[in-house]
C-alpha atoms as a PDB file:
ATOM      1  CA  MET A   1      86.529  65.573  89.687  1.00  0.00           C
ATOM      2  CA  LYS A   2      86.818  66.590  85.873  1.00  0.00           C
ATOM      3  CA  ASN A   3      87.663  70.411  87.284  1.00  0.00           C
ATOM      4  CA  LEU A   4      90.406  69.334  90.001  1.00  0.00           C
ATOM      5  CA  PRO A   5      93.790  69.105  87.694  1.00  0.00           C
ATOM      6  CA  ALA A   6      92.337  72.716  86.464  1.00  0.00           C
ATOM      7  CA  LYS A   7      91.845  74.236  90.197  1.00  0.00           C
ATOM      8  CA  ILE A   8      95.974  72.235  90.793  1.00  0.00           C
ATOM      9  CA  VAL A   9      97.950  74.272  88.243  1.00  0.00           C
ATOM     10  CA  GLY A  10      95.343  77.470  88.421  1.00  0.00           C
ATOM     11  CA  THR A  11      96.777  76.921  92.590  1.00  0.00           C
ATOM     12  CA  VAL A  12     100.215  76.686  91.291  1.00  0.00           C
ATOM     13  CA  ILE A  13      99.987  79.866  88.722  1.00  0.00           C
ATOM     14  CA  ASN A  14      98.663  81.729  91.393  1.00  0.00           C
ATOM     15  CA  THR A  15     100.772  80.688  93.839  1.00  0.00           C
ATOM     16  CA  ARG A  16     104.071  81.689  91.372  1.00  0.00           C
ATOM     17  CA  GLU A  17     102.454  85.216  90.828  1.00  0.00           C
ATOM     18  CA  ARG A  18     102.162  85.905  94.410  1.00  0.00           C
ATOM     19  CA  GLY A  19     105.877  85.215  94.765  1.00  0.00           C
ATOM     20  CA  ALA A  20     106.594  87.547  91.735  1.00  0.00           C
ATOM     21  CA  THR A  21     104.760  90.324  92.805  1.00  0.00           C
ATOM     22  CA  ALA A  22     106.202  90.364  96.289  1.00  0.00           C
ATOM     23  CA  VAL A  23     109.769  90.416  93.996  1.00  0.00           C
ATOM     24  CA  GLU A  24     108.653  92.955  92.559  1.00  0.00           C
ATOM     25  CA  TYR A  25     107.495  94.727  95.871  1.00  0.00           C
ATOM     26  CA  GLY A  26     111.058  93.884  97.540  1.00  0.00           C
ATOM     27  CA  ILE A  27     112.694  95.475  94.485  1.00  0.00           C
ATOM     28  CA  MET A  28     110.488  98.563  94.619  1.00  0.00           C
ATOM     29  CA  VAL A  29     111.171  99.280  98.177  1.00  0.00           C
ATOM     30  CA  ALA A  30     114.594  98.772  97.740  1.00  0.00           C
ATOM     31  CA  LEU A  31     114.831 101.309  94.608  1.00  0.00           C
ATOM     32  CA  ILE A  32     112.952 104.193  96.598  1.00  0.00           C
ATOM     33  CA  ALA A  33     115.654 103.137  99.640  1.00  0.00           C
ATOM     34  CA  ALA A  34     118.013 103.838  97.212  1.00  0.00           C
ATOM     35  CA  VAL A  35     116.665 107.712  96.329  1.00  0.00           C
ATOM     36  CA  ILE A  36     115.452 108.058 100.003  1.00  0.00           C
ATOM     37  CA  ILE A  37     119.352 107.989 101.134  1.00  0.00           C
ATOM     38  CA  THR A  38     120.628 109.272  98.483  1.00  0.00           C
ATOM     39  CA  VAL A  39     118.290 112.829  98.621  1.00  0.00           C
ATOM     40  CA  VAL A  40     118.943 112.698 102.370  1.00  0.00           C
ATOM     41  CA  THR A  41     122.649 112.323 101.864  1.00  0.00           C
ATOM     42  CA  LEU A  42     122.647 115.516  99.737  1.00  0.00           C
ATOM     43  CA  LEU A  43     120.017 117.936 101.215  1.00  0.00           C
ATOM     44  CA  GLY A  44     121.853 116.709 104.413  1.00  0.00           C
ATOM     45  CA  THR A  45     125.241 118.486 103.371  1.00  0.00           C
ATOM     46  CA  GLN A  46     123.130 121.507 102.087  1.00  0.00           C
ATOM     47  CA  ILE A  47     121.251 121.978 105.027  1.00  0.00           C
ATOM     48  CA  GLN A  48     124.157 121.801 107.510  1.00  0.00           C
ATOM     49  CA  ALA A  49     126.385 124.411 105.412  1.00  0.00           C
ATOM     50  CA  GLN A  50     122.764 126.580 105.866  1.00  0.00           C
ATOM     51  CA  PHE A  51     122.481 126.045 110.051  1.00  0.00           C
ATOM     52  CA  GLN A  52     126.499 126.489 109.981  1.00  0.00           C
ATOM     53  CA  THR A  53     125.978 130.034 108.138  1.00  0.00           C
ATOM     54  CA  VAL A  54     123.849 131.469 110.327  1.00  0.00           C
ATOM     55  CA  LEU A  55     125.788 129.935 113.537  1.00  0.00           C
ATOM     56  CA  ASP A  56     128.807 131.874 112.406  1.00  0.00           C
ATOM     57  CA  GLY A  57     126.276 135.090 111.684  1.00  0.00           C
ATOM     58  CA  ILE A  58     125.063 135.138 115.420  1.00  0.00           C
ATOM     59  CA  SER A  59     128.741 134.730 117.100  1.00  0.00           C
END
């Protein structure tokens, strides 16, 4: 019975840490998505130009 308050406090702290971890993972996923979108946008334009050069050379 003496450990009951400690268990309750430990549960509350553990829940808060889980919530903070979820937020951190969400931020990391958002940053990774932003980097992927930026890279695909930049490389997509360059790759399209290369394909157009090849197509112009064929015709």
